[in-house]
Structure formats: structure tokens, C-alpha cells
N, C-alpha and C. Protein backbone atom coordinates (compact mmCIF):
# COMPACT_ATOMS: atom_id res chain seq x y z
N MET A 1 26.18 -4.23 -9.54
CA MET A 1 25.59 -5.12 -8.56
C MET A 1 24.58 -4.35 -7.72
N LYS A 2 23.43 -4.93 -7.54
CA LYS A 2 22.39 -4.29 -6.74
C LYS A 2 22.71 -4.43 -5.26
N HIS A 3 22.68 -3.33 -4.55
CA HIS A 3 22.95 -3.36 -3.12
C HIS A 3 21.68 -3.72 -2.37
N PRO A 4 21.80 -4.58 -1.37
CA PRO A 4 20.60 -4.97 -0.62
C PRO A 4 20.08 -3.80 0.21
N LEU A 5 18.76 -3.76 0.33
CA LEU A 5 18.13 -2.75 1.18
C LEU A 5 18.28 -3.11 2.65
N PHE A 6 18.33 -4.42 2.91
CA PHE A 6 18.48 -4.93 4.26
C PHE A 6 19.68 -5.87 4.27
N ASN A 7 20.55 -5.73 5.26
CA ASN A 7 21.78 -6.52 5.30
C ASN A 7 21.66 -7.80 6.12
N HIS A 8 20.61 -7.93 6.92
CA HIS A 8 20.43 -9.10 7.78
C HIS A 8 18.95 -9.26 8.09
N TRP A 9 18.53 -10.49 8.36
CA TRP A 9 17.11 -10.74 8.62
C TRP A 9 16.60 -10.01 9.85
N SER A 10 17.49 -9.63 10.76
CA SER A 10 17.06 -8.94 11.98
C SER A 10 16.98 -7.42 11.80
N GLU A 11 17.42 -6.92 10.66
CA GLU A 11 17.41 -5.47 10.43
C GLU A 11 16.00 -4.97 10.16
N THR A 12 15.65 -3.87 10.78
CA THR A 12 14.35 -3.24 10.57
C THR A 12 14.54 -1.78 10.22
N LYS A 13 13.50 -1.20 9.65
CA LYS A 13 13.52 0.23 9.33
C LYS A 13 12.24 0.85 9.87
N TYR A 14 12.39 1.94 10.60
CA TYR A 14 11.20 2.65 11.10
C TYR A 14 10.48 3.29 9.92
N LEU A 15 9.19 3.06 9.86
CA LEU A 15 8.39 3.56 8.75
C LEU A 15 8.41 5.08 8.66
N LYS A 16 8.46 5.75 9.80
CA LYS A 16 8.50 7.23 9.80
C LYS A 16 9.73 7.74 9.04
N ASP A 17 10.80 6.94 9.02
CA ASP A 17 12.04 7.36 8.36
C ASP A 17 12.04 7.09 6.86
N ILE A 18 11.16 6.22 6.38
CA ILE A 18 11.23 5.82 4.98
C ILE A 18 9.98 6.12 4.15
N VAL A 19 8.86 6.39 4.78
CA VAL A 19 7.61 6.62 4.04
C VAL A 19 7.56 8.05 3.50
N THR A 20 7.26 8.18 2.21
CA THR A 20 7.13 9.49 1.58
C THR A 20 5.77 9.69 0.92
N ASN A 21 5.02 8.63 0.72
CA ASN A 21 3.72 8.72 0.04
C ASN A 21 2.73 9.50 0.90
N PRO A 22 2.09 10.54 0.36
CA PRO A 22 1.16 11.34 1.15
C PRO A 22 -0.11 10.59 1.55
N LEU A 23 -0.35 9.42 0.97
CA LEU A 23 -1.54 8.64 1.32
C LEU A 23 -1.25 7.57 2.37
N ILE A 24 -0.05 7.61 2.95
CA ILE A 24 0.31 6.68 4.03
C ILE A 24 0.57 7.49 5.29
N GLU A 25 -0.16 7.16 6.35
CA GLU A 25 0.04 7.78 7.66
C GLU A 25 0.62 6.71 8.59
N VAL A 26 1.67 7.08 9.33
CA VAL A 26 2.38 6.11 10.15
C VAL A 26 2.50 6.62 11.57
N GLY A 27 2.23 5.72 12.54
CA GLY A 27 2.38 6.05 13.95
C GLY A 27 3.83 5.91 14.40
N GLU A 28 4.04 6.12 15.67
CA GLU A 28 5.38 6.08 16.25
C GLU A 28 5.89 4.65 16.39
N TYR A 29 7.17 4.47 16.13
CA TYR A 29 7.91 3.23 16.36
C TYR A 29 7.41 2.03 15.55
N SER A 30 6.64 2.25 14.53
CA SER A 30 6.23 1.15 13.65
C SER A 30 7.37 0.86 12.69
N TYR A 31 7.62 -0.45 12.44
CA TYR A 31 8.76 -0.79 11.60
C TYR A 31 8.43 -1.87 10.58
N TYR A 32 9.34 -1.98 9.62
CA TYR A 32 9.23 -2.95 8.52
C TYR A 32 10.56 -3.67 8.39
N SER A 33 10.49 -4.97 8.15
CA SER A 33 11.68 -5.76 7.87
C SER A 33 11.49 -6.44 6.53
N GLY A 34 12.20 -6.01 5.52
CA GLY A 34 12.02 -6.55 4.18
C GLY A 34 13.19 -7.37 3.68
N TYR A 35 13.93 -7.99 4.59
CA TYR A 35 15.17 -8.67 4.22
C TYR A 35 14.97 -9.77 3.18
N TYR A 36 14.04 -10.68 3.40
CA TYR A 36 13.94 -11.85 2.52
C TYR A 36 13.48 -11.50 1.12
N GLY A 37 12.66 -10.50 0.98
CA GLY A 37 12.24 -10.08 -0.35
C GLY A 37 13.10 -8.97 -0.93
N ASN A 38 13.97 -8.40 -0.09
CA ASN A 38 14.81 -7.26 -0.47
C ASN A 38 14.00 -6.19 -1.19
N GLN A 39 12.86 -5.84 -0.57
CA GLN A 39 11.98 -4.84 -1.16
C GLN A 39 11.77 -3.69 -0.19
N ASN A 40 11.65 -2.49 -0.77
CA ASN A 40 11.34 -1.36 0.09
C ASN A 40 9.86 -1.39 0.46
N PHE A 41 9.49 -0.64 1.45
CA PHE A 41 8.13 -0.70 1.98
C PHE A 41 7.09 -0.19 0.99
N GLU A 42 7.32 0.99 0.43
CA GLU A 42 6.29 1.62 -0.41
C GLU A 42 6.08 0.94 -1.75
N ASP A 43 7.07 0.25 -2.25
CA ASP A 43 6.93 -0.38 -3.57
C ASP A 43 6.76 -1.89 -3.46
N GLY A 44 7.38 -2.51 -2.49
CA GLY A 44 7.32 -3.96 -2.37
C GLY A 44 6.24 -4.46 -1.45
N CYS A 45 6.00 -3.75 -0.37
CA CYS A 45 5.00 -4.17 0.61
C CYS A 45 3.63 -3.58 0.29
N VAL A 46 3.56 -2.30 0.03
CA VAL A 46 2.30 -1.62 -0.29
C VAL A 46 2.11 -1.66 -1.80
N ARG A 47 0.99 -2.21 -2.23
CA ARG A 47 0.75 -2.38 -3.67
C ARG A 47 -0.44 -1.54 -4.12
N TYR A 48 -0.34 -1.01 -5.32
CA TYR A 48 -1.42 -0.29 -6.01
C TYR A 48 -1.86 0.98 -5.28
N LEU A 49 -0.95 1.66 -4.64
CA LEU A 49 -1.30 2.91 -3.97
C LEU A 49 -0.68 4.06 -4.74
N TRP A 50 -1.53 4.86 -5.35
CA TRP A 50 -1.08 6.04 -6.07
C TRP A 50 -0.46 7.00 -5.06
N GLY A 51 0.49 7.80 -5.50
CA GLY A 51 1.07 8.82 -4.65
C GLY A 51 2.59 8.83 -4.65
N ASP A 52 3.20 7.75 -5.14
CA ASP A 52 4.65 7.75 -5.26
C ASP A 52 5.05 8.67 -6.42
N ALA A 53 6.31 8.98 -6.51
CA ALA A 53 6.77 9.94 -7.52
C ALA A 53 6.44 9.50 -8.95
N LYS A 54 6.60 8.22 -9.25
CA LYS A 54 6.33 7.74 -10.61
C LYS A 54 4.85 7.86 -10.97
N SER A 55 3.97 7.44 -10.06
CA SER A 55 2.54 7.52 -10.39
C SER A 55 2.07 8.96 -10.43
N GLN A 56 2.63 9.82 -9.60
CA GLN A 56 2.25 11.24 -9.65
C GLN A 56 2.65 11.86 -10.98
N ALA A 57 3.77 11.41 -11.55
CA ALA A 57 4.22 11.95 -12.83
C ALA A 57 3.34 11.47 -13.98
N LEU A 58 2.73 10.30 -13.84
CA LEU A 58 1.91 9.73 -14.91
C LEU A 58 0.51 10.33 -14.99
N PHE A 59 -0.15 10.45 -13.84
CA PHE A 59 -1.53 10.93 -13.83
C PHE A 59 -1.95 11.28 -12.41
N ASN A 60 -3.06 11.99 -12.30
CA ASN A 60 -3.62 12.33 -10.99
C ASN A 60 -5.09 11.94 -10.99
N PRO A 61 -5.42 10.76 -10.47
CA PRO A 61 -6.81 10.30 -10.51
C PRO A 61 -7.76 11.14 -9.66
N ILE A 62 -7.23 11.86 -8.70
CA ILE A 62 -8.08 12.72 -7.87
C ILE A 62 -8.56 13.90 -8.70
N GLU A 63 -7.62 14.57 -9.37
CA GLU A 63 -7.97 15.74 -10.18
C GLU A 63 -8.57 15.37 -11.53
N GLN A 64 -8.04 14.34 -12.18
CA GLN A 64 -8.47 14.00 -13.54
C GLN A 64 -9.76 13.19 -13.58
N MET A 65 -10.01 12.37 -12.57
CA MET A 65 -11.18 11.50 -12.60
C MET A 65 -12.11 11.67 -11.42
N GLY A 66 -11.72 12.49 -10.46
CA GLY A 66 -12.56 12.74 -9.30
C GLY A 66 -12.63 11.59 -8.31
N TRP A 67 -11.65 10.71 -8.35
CA TRP A 67 -11.67 9.56 -7.45
C TRP A 67 -11.31 9.98 -6.03
N HIS A 68 -11.90 9.29 -5.06
CA HIS A 68 -11.50 9.41 -3.66
C HIS A 68 -10.58 8.23 -3.38
N LEU A 69 -9.31 8.49 -3.18
CA LEU A 69 -8.35 7.41 -2.96
C LEU A 69 -8.24 7.07 -1.49
N ASP A 70 -8.21 5.78 -1.23
CA ASP A 70 -8.09 5.30 0.14
C ASP A 70 -6.69 5.56 0.67
N LYS A 71 -6.59 5.71 1.99
CA LYS A 71 -5.30 5.89 2.65
C LYS A 71 -4.91 4.60 3.36
N LEU A 72 -3.63 4.46 3.60
CA LEU A 72 -3.11 3.42 4.47
C LEU A 72 -2.73 4.10 5.78
N ILE A 73 -3.36 3.67 6.86
CA ILE A 73 -3.12 4.26 8.18
C ILE A 73 -2.56 3.18 9.09
N ILE A 74 -1.36 3.40 9.59
CA ILE A 74 -0.67 2.42 10.43
C ILE A 74 -0.47 3.05 11.80
N GLY A 75 -0.90 2.35 12.84
CA GLY A 75 -0.81 2.86 14.20
C GLY A 75 0.60 2.80 14.76
N ASN A 76 0.70 2.95 16.07
CA ASN A 76 1.97 2.92 16.79
C ASN A 76 2.41 1.48 17.06
N TYR A 77 3.69 1.26 17.09
CA TYR A 77 4.28 -0.03 17.47
C TYR A 77 3.79 -1.19 16.61
N VAL A 78 3.61 -0.96 15.34
CA VAL A 78 3.20 -2.02 14.41
C VAL A 78 4.47 -2.65 13.83
N CYS A 79 4.50 -3.99 13.81
CA CYS A 79 5.65 -4.75 13.31
C CYS A 79 5.23 -5.45 12.02
N ILE A 80 5.88 -5.14 10.92
CA ILE A 80 5.54 -5.71 9.62
C ILE A 80 6.74 -6.52 9.12
N ALA A 81 6.52 -7.82 8.94
CA ALA A 81 7.59 -8.73 8.56
C ALA A 81 7.85 -8.72 7.06
N SER A 82 8.93 -9.35 6.68
CA SER A 82 9.30 -9.50 5.28
C SER A 82 8.23 -10.30 4.53
N GLY A 83 7.96 -9.91 3.31
CA GLY A 83 7.01 -10.64 2.48
C GLY A 83 5.57 -10.22 2.63
N VAL A 84 5.27 -9.35 3.58
CA VAL A 84 3.89 -8.88 3.76
C VAL A 84 3.47 -8.06 2.55
N ILE A 85 2.23 -8.23 2.12
CA ILE A 85 1.65 -7.44 1.04
C ILE A 85 0.42 -6.73 1.58
N ILE A 86 0.39 -5.43 1.41
CA ILE A 86 -0.78 -4.63 1.78
C ILE A 86 -1.38 -4.13 0.48
N LEU A 87 -2.52 -4.72 0.09
CA LEU A 87 -3.17 -4.34 -1.16
C LEU A 87 -3.99 -3.09 -0.96
N MET A 88 -3.80 -2.14 -1.84
CA MET A 88 -4.57 -0.91 -1.84
C MET A 88 -5.27 -0.80 -3.18
N GLY A 89 -5.76 0.35 -3.54
CA GLY A 89 -6.31 0.56 -4.88
C GLY A 89 -7.76 0.18 -5.03
N GLY A 90 -8.51 0.15 -3.93
CA GLY A 90 -9.94 -0.12 -4.05
C GLY A 90 -10.22 -1.45 -4.72
N ASN A 91 -11.05 -1.40 -5.75
CA ASN A 91 -11.41 -2.62 -6.49
C ASN A 91 -10.48 -2.87 -7.67
N HIS A 92 -9.39 -2.13 -7.76
CA HIS A 92 -8.39 -2.25 -8.84
C HIS A 92 -9.02 -2.07 -10.21
N ASN A 93 -10.08 -1.27 -10.26
CA ASN A 93 -10.79 -0.95 -11.50
C ASN A 93 -11.48 -2.17 -12.12
N HIS A 94 -11.76 -3.17 -11.31
CA HIS A 94 -12.49 -4.35 -11.78
C HIS A 94 -13.88 -4.32 -11.13
N HIS A 95 -14.82 -3.72 -11.81
CA HIS A 95 -16.17 -3.51 -11.27
C HIS A 95 -16.97 -4.81 -11.38
N SER A 96 -17.24 -5.45 -10.25
CA SER A 96 -17.86 -6.78 -10.26
C SER A 96 -19.34 -6.77 -10.65
N GLU A 97 -19.97 -5.62 -10.67
CA GLU A 97 -21.40 -5.58 -11.03
C GLU A 97 -21.62 -5.32 -12.52
N TRP A 98 -20.57 -5.11 -13.25
CA TRP A 98 -20.70 -4.90 -14.69
C TRP A 98 -20.74 -6.24 -15.41
N ILE A 99 -21.05 -6.23 -16.69
CA ILE A 99 -21.14 -7.46 -17.47
C ILE A 99 -19.80 -8.18 -17.54
N THR A 100 -18.72 -7.44 -17.43
CA THR A 100 -17.37 -8.01 -17.37
C THR A 100 -16.56 -7.19 -16.39
N VAL A 101 -15.59 -7.83 -15.75
CA VAL A 101 -14.73 -7.10 -14.82
C VAL A 101 -13.55 -6.46 -15.53
N TYR A 102 -13.48 -6.64 -16.85
CA TYR A 102 -12.38 -6.06 -17.62
C TYR A 102 -12.48 -4.53 -17.60
N PRO A 103 -11.37 -3.84 -17.26
CA PRO A 103 -11.40 -2.37 -17.17
C PRO A 103 -11.18 -1.69 -18.53
N PHE A 104 -12.22 -1.60 -19.34
CA PHE A 104 -12.10 -0.94 -20.64
C PHE A 104 -11.70 0.52 -20.46
N ALA A 105 -10.81 0.99 -21.32
CA ALA A 105 -10.28 2.35 -21.22
C ALA A 105 -11.38 3.40 -21.25
N GLU A 106 -12.43 3.18 -22.05
CA GLU A 106 -13.52 4.16 -22.17
C GLU A 106 -14.28 4.33 -20.85
N GLN A 107 -14.23 3.33 -20.00
CA GLN A 107 -15.00 3.38 -18.76
C GLN A 107 -14.12 3.38 -17.52
N ILE A 108 -12.85 3.63 -17.69
CA ILE A 108 -11.92 3.56 -16.57
C ILE A 108 -12.29 4.55 -15.46
N GLY A 109 -12.78 5.70 -15.82
CA GLY A 109 -13.15 6.70 -14.82
C GLY A 109 -14.28 6.25 -13.92
N GLN A 110 -15.18 5.43 -14.44
CA GLN A 110 -16.32 4.94 -13.67
C GLN A 110 -16.05 3.58 -13.02
N SER A 111 -14.96 2.93 -13.40
CA SER A 111 -14.73 1.56 -12.94
C SER A 111 -14.16 1.47 -11.52
N TYR A 112 -13.50 2.52 -11.06
CA TYR A 112 -12.87 2.48 -9.74
C TYR A 112 -13.90 2.67 -8.63
N GLU A 113 -13.79 1.85 -7.60
CA GLU A 113 -14.59 2.02 -6.38
C GLU A 113 -13.66 1.92 -5.18
N PRO A 114 -13.66 2.91 -4.31
CA PRO A 114 -12.83 2.81 -3.11
C PRO A 114 -13.36 1.73 -2.17
N LYS A 115 -12.48 1.19 -1.35
CA LYS A 115 -12.86 0.19 -0.35
C LYS A 115 -12.85 0.78 1.06
N GLY A 116 -12.45 2.04 1.18
CA GLY A 116 -12.29 2.65 2.50
C GLY A 116 -10.83 2.55 2.91
N ASP A 117 -10.44 3.42 3.81
CA ASP A 117 -9.06 3.41 4.28
C ASP A 117 -8.69 2.05 4.85
N THR A 118 -7.46 1.64 4.62
CA THR A 118 -6.93 0.43 5.24
C THR A 118 -6.25 0.87 6.52
N VAL A 119 -6.72 0.33 7.65
CA VAL A 119 -6.25 0.77 8.95
C VAL A 119 -5.66 -0.43 9.70
N ILE A 120 -4.40 -0.31 10.06
CA ILE A 120 -3.74 -1.30 10.90
C ILE A 120 -3.51 -0.62 12.24
N LYS A 121 -4.27 -1.04 13.22
CA LYS A 121 -4.24 -0.35 14.51
C LYS A 121 -2.97 -0.65 15.30
N SER A 122 -2.74 0.14 16.32
CA SER A 122 -1.52 0.06 17.13
C SER A 122 -1.30 -1.33 17.71
N ASP A 123 -0.04 -1.67 17.84
CA ASP A 123 0.43 -2.89 18.49
C ASP A 123 0.13 -4.16 17.71
N ALA A 124 0.00 -4.05 16.40
CA ALA A 124 -0.24 -5.24 15.56
C ALA A 124 1.09 -5.83 15.11
N TRP A 125 1.11 -7.14 14.98
CA TRP A 125 2.25 -7.83 14.40
C TRP A 125 1.75 -8.56 13.18
N ILE A 126 2.28 -8.22 12.01
CA ILE A 126 1.87 -8.85 10.76
C ILE A 126 3.02 -9.75 10.32
N GLY A 127 2.79 -11.05 10.36
CA GLY A 127 3.83 -12.04 10.10
C GLY A 127 4.15 -12.22 8.63
N MET A 128 5.21 -12.96 8.37
CA MET A 128 5.73 -13.16 7.01
C MET A 128 4.66 -13.61 6.03
N ASN A 129 4.69 -12.98 4.86
CA ASN A 129 3.86 -13.35 3.71
C ASN A 129 2.36 -13.19 3.93
N ALA A 130 1.96 -12.45 4.95
CA ALA A 130 0.54 -12.16 5.15
C ALA A 130 0.08 -11.19 4.07
N ILE A 131 -1.20 -11.26 3.73
CA ILE A 131 -1.78 -10.32 2.76
C ILE A 131 -2.90 -9.57 3.46
N ILE A 132 -2.82 -8.25 3.45
CA ILE A 132 -3.85 -7.38 4.00
C ILE A 132 -4.66 -6.86 2.82
N MET A 133 -5.96 -7.09 2.85
CA MET A 133 -6.83 -6.72 1.74
C MET A 133 -7.26 -5.25 1.85
N PRO A 134 -7.64 -4.63 0.72
CA PRO A 134 -8.07 -3.23 0.73
C PRO A 134 -9.27 -3.02 1.66
N GLY A 135 -9.23 -1.97 2.44
CA GLY A 135 -10.33 -1.64 3.34
C GLY A 135 -10.27 -2.33 4.69
N TYR A 136 -9.23 -3.10 4.94
CA TYR A 136 -9.05 -3.78 6.23
C TYR A 136 -9.01 -2.73 7.34
N ASN A 137 -9.64 -3.02 8.48
CA ASN A 137 -9.65 -2.06 9.59
C ASN A 137 -9.72 -2.82 10.91
N ARG A 138 -8.55 -3.11 11.46
CA ARG A 138 -8.48 -3.81 12.76
C ARG A 138 -7.24 -3.38 13.52
């Protein structure tokens, strides 16, 4: 039986205590509540951000392809509700100026474009099921 990450809808976890990805910077007292989706922050809330243990074991786009990867920067006292999705990963290798947005393997190294760091400034409240797009800065 899978054990829940959160035992009640009012339970929160301080991001400083749970974030391990080197591309995520977190301010003081910022928290996440993932009860309804029963998802952890780095895998369920933050999407397409290289730097977790599994993606590091697969490849290193910084060293292998020379990519500049965007960071997720979260200020102090940020409240992130259950169901929030923070999209990272630049353009997700879908280059809109090419003849097709399909990421062909032969051109994968050239297909990625960063969107800039995603910055959630201090004292923000992000409500349930909100989606933060790559490069957001407010």
C-alpha cells in the first residue's frame, strides 16, 4: 500500500526541508501543500526540470549539449497549494520557428531554448491547480 505524502489537507511542508534539486532556490518559510494530488514538490509540482537524481543519471544537458538551464527561484513566505504546476524546461525542445515543432533526435541539441529563470517573489500565494509558465517573473 502506498503511504500518503500528506495526511490531511491542512498539512504543509517547508520547501527548505524537502528540495534537493540544485536548480531550485528557496527562500525562508515557503511551503507546499500537496494533499489532494498526493505528490511531492519536485516531481509533482515542478515539471520538466533537470537536476533530480534520475535525470542526472540519464544525461547532463549542460555538459553534453551546452544548454543553459533555467532555475526556479522561490522567495520568502510563498504558499503553494495542492495541484499547482510549475512548468520548467524552456521551450520543451519544441522550436516554434522551425518547419515543425517536432523534436527530431538529430536536432535535439539545437532545439532547446531557455525561457529565463522562473521567479516567484516573496509573499506570493499560488492557489489550487494554478499553472506557472516557464520564465514567469513576478
